[in-house]
Protein backbone atom coordinates (compact mmCIF):
# COMPACT_ATOMS: atom_id res chain seq x y z
CA PHE A 1 -46.40 -23.95 61.69
CA THR A 2 -48.53 -25.34 58.84
CA ILE A 3 -49.84 -21.93 57.80
CA THR A 4 -46.26 -20.82 57.11
CA THR A 5 -45.82 -23.52 54.45
CA LYS A 6 -46.93 -23.13 50.85
CA PRO A 7 -49.64 -25.85 50.52
CA VAL A 8 -51.96 -24.20 53.06
CA PRO A 9 -52.07 -20.78 51.34
CA VAL A 10 -52.48 -22.52 47.99
CA LEU A 11 -55.42 -24.51 49.33
CA LEU A 12 -57.09 -21.42 50.80
CA THR A 13 -56.47 -19.07 47.88
CA GLY A 14 -56.97 -21.60 45.09
CA PHE A 15 -60.57 -20.72 44.26
CA LEU A 16 -59.86 -16.98 44.59
CA ASP A 17 -56.70 -17.02 42.53
CA ASN A 18 -57.85 -19.37 39.78
CA LYS A 19 -61.39 -18.17 39.11
CA TYR A 20 -60.43 -16.07 36.08
CA PRO A 21 -57.62 -16.67 33.54
CA VAL A 22 -55.14 -14.11 32.30
CA PHE A 23 -56.75 -11.70 29.83
CA ASP A 24 -56.55 -13.04 26.29
CA THR A 25 -57.51 -11.01 23.23
CA LEU A 26 -58.59 -14.22 21.47
CA GLY A 27 -61.62 -14.39 23.74
CA PHE A 28 -62.39 -10.68 23.57
CA ASN A 29 -64.17 -9.04 20.66
CA PRO A 30 -62.83 -5.49 20.19
CA ALA A 31 -66.01 -3.88 18.91
CA ASP A 32 -66.15 -0.27 17.74
CA THR A 33 -67.61 0.88 21.05
CA ILE A 34 -65.33 2.42 23.66
CA ILE A 35 -63.53 0.03 26.01
CA TYR A 36 -63.00 1.18 29.58
CA ILE A 37 -60.09 -0.39 31.49
CA ILE A 38 -60.64 -0.12 35.25
CA LEU A 39 -57.39 0.31 37.19
CA PRO A 40 -57.35 0.59 41.01
CA VAL A 41 -53.96 1.80 42.27
CA GLU A 42 -52.29 2.22 45.64
CA CYS A 43 -49.70 4.97 46.02
CA ASN A 44 -46.67 5.28 48.28
CA HIS A 45 -45.61 8.41 50.13
CA CYS A 46 -42.34 9.55 48.56
CA ASP A 47 -40.53 12.84 48.41
CA SER A 48 -41.48 15.19 45.60
CA THR A 49 -38.29 14.45 43.67
CA SER A 50 -39.15 10.77 43.18
CA PRO A 51 -40.36 9.78 39.69
CA PRO A 52 -44.07 8.88 39.37
CA ILE A 53 -43.28 5.16 38.97
CA SER A 54 -41.59 5.18 42.40
CA LYS A 55 -44.74 6.59 43.96
CA ILE A 56 -46.85 3.59 42.90
CA ASP A 57 -47.05 0.64 45.27
CA HIS A 58 -45.04 -2.33 43.95
CA ILE A 59 -48.13 -4.55 43.76
CA SER A 60 -50.05 -1.85 41.92
CA LEU A 61 -47.24 -1.62 39.38
CA GLY A 62 -48.24 -5.10 38.17
CA ARG A 63 -51.80 -3.85 37.64
CA LEU A 64 -50.55 -0.70 35.93
CA ALA A 65 -48.32 -2.65 33.54
CA GLU A 66 -51.14 -5.01 32.56
CA ALA A 67 -53.61 -2.15 32.12
CA VAL A 68 -51.21 -0.28 29.84
CA ARG A 69 -50.54 -3.49 27.87
CA ILE A 70 -54.27 -3.92 27.19
CA HIS A 71 -54.66 -0.18 26.60
CA GLU A 72 -52.07 -0.31 23.81
CA MET A 73 -53.87 -3.23 22.13
CA PHE A 74 -57.08 -1.30 21.52
CA SER A 75 -57.10 2.20 20.03
CA ASN A 76 -60.67 2.63 21.28
CA SER A 77 -59.74 1.99 24.93
CA TYR A 78 -59.54 4.39 27.87
CA LEU A 79 -57.85 3.87 31.23
CA VAL A 80 -60.09 4.73 34.17
CA THR A 81 -58.04 4.87 37.34
CA PHE A 82 -58.52 5.64 41.01
CA GLY A 83 -56.79 4.76 44.22
CA HIS A 84 -55.60 5.48 47.74
CA ASP A 85 -52.34 5.81 49.61
CA GLY A 86 -52.58 2.80 51.92
CA ARG A 87 -54.07 4.89 54.73
CA GLY A 88 -57.48 5.32 53.11
CA LEU A 89 -56.63 8.71 51.66
CA ALA A 90 -57.13 9.43 47.98
CA CYS A 91 -54.08 8.97 45.78
CA GLU A 92 -53.24 12.05 43.73
CA SER A 93 -54.59 11.40 40.25
CA VAL A 94 -51.67 13.20 38.60
CA ILE A 95 -49.27 10.60 40.04
CA ILE A 96 -51.20 7.71 38.48
CA VAL A 97 -51.52 9.46 35.13
CA GLU A 98 -47.82 10.34 34.97
CA ALA A 99 -46.82 6.79 35.90
CA ALA A 100 -49.12 5.34 33.21
CA VAL A 101 -47.69 7.73 30.62
CA GLN A 102 -44.17 6.69 31.58
CA LEU A 103 -45.13 3.11 30.74
CA GLY A 104 -46.52 4.13 27.34
CA ALA A 105 -50.16 5.03 27.92
CA ASP A 106 -51.77 7.79 25.89
CA SER A 107 -52.36 10.71 28.26
CA ILE A 108 -55.46 11.90 26.38
CA ARG A 109 -57.08 8.49 26.88
CA ILE A 110 -56.86 8.40 30.69
CA TYR A 111 -59.66 9.30 33.07
CA THR A 112 -59.29 9.61 36.84
CA LEU A 113 -62.04 9.22 39.43
CA ASP A 114 -61.96 11.41 42.53
CA HIS A 115 -63.19 10.33 45.97
CA ALA A 116 -62.96 6.66 44.98
CA GLU A 117 -60.74 5.04 47.60
CA THR A 118 -62.37 1.59 47.35
CA MET A 119 -63.54 -0.70 44.57
CA TRP A 120 -67.18 -0.04 45.48
CA ARG A 121 -66.74 3.73 45.40
CA GLY A 122 -64.78 3.42 42.16
CA ALA A 123 -67.65 1.49 40.57
CA SER A 124 -70.14 4.05 41.87
CA ARG A 125 -68.14 7.01 40.53
CA PHE A 126 -67.55 5.25 37.22
CA THR A 127 -71.25 4.51 36.75
CA GLY A 128 -72.20 8.04 37.67
CA LYS A 129 -69.76 9.47 35.14
CA PHE A 130 -70.11 7.08 32.20
CA GLY A 131 -73.37 5.20 32.77
CA ILE A 132 -73.79 1.44 32.48
CA MET A 133 -71.27 -0.07 30.06
CA SER A 134 -70.79 -3.55 28.62
CA ARG A 135 -67.20 -2.91 27.49
CA VAL A 136 -65.46 -2.83 30.85
CA ILE A 137 -62.19 -4.61 31.61
CA ILE A 138 -61.16 -4.82 35.27
CA VAL A 139 -57.45 -5.06 36.03
CA THR A 140 -56.75 -6.03 39.62
CA ASP A 141 -55.13 -8.77 41.70
CA ALA A 142 -56.34 -12.28 40.94
CA MET A 143 -57.29 -12.80 44.58
CA SER A 144 -59.57 -9.73 44.51
CA MET A 145 -61.11 -10.34 41.11
CA ILE A 146 -64.19 -12.26 42.25
CA ARG A 147 -65.26 -9.38 44.49
CA ALA A 148 -64.41 -6.77 41.85
CA MET A 149 -66.51 -8.55 39.21
CA LYS A 150 -69.42 -8.86 41.64
CA ILE A 151 -69.26 -5.15 42.44
CA TYR A 152 -69.33 -3.99 38.82
CA ARG A 153 -72.11 -6.44 37.99
CA GLU A 154 -74.01 -5.04 40.94
CA PHE A 155 -73.93 -1.65 39.21
CA GLY A 156 -75.27 -3.20 36.00
CA HIS A 157 -72.04 -3.57 33.99
CA ARG A 158 -70.87 -6.67 32.13
CA PRO A 159 -67.16 -6.67 33.00
CA THR A 160 -64.31 -8.77 31.63
CA ALA A 161 -61.60 -9.89 34.06
CA ALA A 162 -57.89 -9.20 33.55
CA PRO A 163 -56.29 -10.59 36.72
CA VAL A 164 -52.66 -10.03 37.70
CA ASN A 165 -50.41 -10.74 40.70
CA PHE A 166 -51.42 -14.37 41.13
CA ALA A 167 -50.55 -15.19 44.72
CA CYS A 168 -49.90 -18.92 44.78
CA ARG A 169 -48.66 -21.54 42.38
CA ILE A 170 -47.12 -24.94 43.16
CA THR A 171 -44.92 -26.53 40.51
CA THR A 172 -42.93 -29.74 40.40
CA SER A 173 -39.81 -27.77 41.31
CA ASP A 174 -41.47 -26.86 44.63
CA SER A 175 -41.50 -30.44 45.89
CA MET A 176 -39.12 -29.75 48.78
CA CYS A 177 -39.32 -25.98 49.15
CA ARG A 178 -43.10 -26.01 49.51
CA TRP A 179 -42.77 -27.30 53.08
CA LEU A 180 -40.32 -24.62 54.19
CA PRO A 181 -41.84 -21.93 56.40
CA SER A 182 -41.99 -18.44 54.93
CA THR A 183 -43.31 -15.05 56.03
CA ARG A 184 -44.62 -14.62 52.47
CA ASN A 185 -47.01 -17.51 53.05
CA ILE A 186 -48.31 -15.78 56.19
CA ASN A 187 -48.86 -12.58 54.20
CA ILE A 188 -50.76 -14.54 51.55
CA MET A 189 -52.92 -16.14 54.23
CA THR A 190 -53.67 -12.71 55.70
CA SER A 191 -54.62 -11.30 52.30
CA ALA A 192 -56.82 -14.31 51.57
CA MET A 193 -58.65 -14.00 54.88
CA ASN A 194 -59.22 -10.29 54.30
CA GLU A 195 -60.57 -11.01 50.82
CA LEU A 196 -62.87 -13.74 52.10
CA MET A 197 -64.24 -11.35 54.74
CA GLY A 198 -64.75 -8.78 52.01
CA LEU A 199 -66.76 -11.27 49.98
CA VAL A 200 -68.87 -12.17 53.01
CA PHE A 201 -69.52 -8.48 53.70
CA PHE A 202 -70.51 -7.89 50.07
CA ASN A 203 -72.87 -10.86 49.98
CA LEU A 204 -74.50 -9.91 53.29
CA PHE A 205 -74.82 -6.14 53.02
CA LEU A 206 -74.19 -4.93 49.46
CA SER A 207 -75.39 -7.57 47.02
CA GLY A 208 -78.74 -6.57 45.54
CA ASN A 209 -78.90 -3.27 47.43
CA HIS A 210 -77.77 -1.01 44.60
CA GLN A 211 -79.93 -2.58 41.89
CA SER A 212 -82.96 -2.53 44.16
CA LYS A 213 -82.50 1.23 44.65
CA SER A 214 -81.90 2.01 40.98
């Protein structure tokens, strides 16, 4: 019963969710060099008549909106996007580009990475295409940001975090509701456990391996 209440997910996800603050331009120096905004996206399977926005997973829409917001702040920025369809298959790049353009992104400043269904593969493809960059902004869920930052540092980059979709927050108005069971809390617990296992896997099998080979 306790895992269905809000305090338990908050306790478990606290260090994942709160590691990095929301992206703030005050702490970011927009130098003349190109800024690459990394955007992992998950697509839905919809009929061909659906607009591009409807083909983007609802959680990924939060990432997309934040990436476009940052993209519009800096004229020297490029979106670099990749993704999958929830079944491990590559998401069609044209869908992501069209959805980004619908939200206001400049189509000529968008790159897509093929065969990059995971964050690790995305970092590998990005490095192979652009080299090692210091002006990289990663836009992904707050809970996944620690692992994402570790991965891009593993490839030699110096990324800046732009987390979105913060999973858990407790406010004073939650004093009674926080103890009510909810399936959402179970979903958060599941996501947190998956992320923790991902971090363990990275630390055991991936950390240091790429740099030692390069």
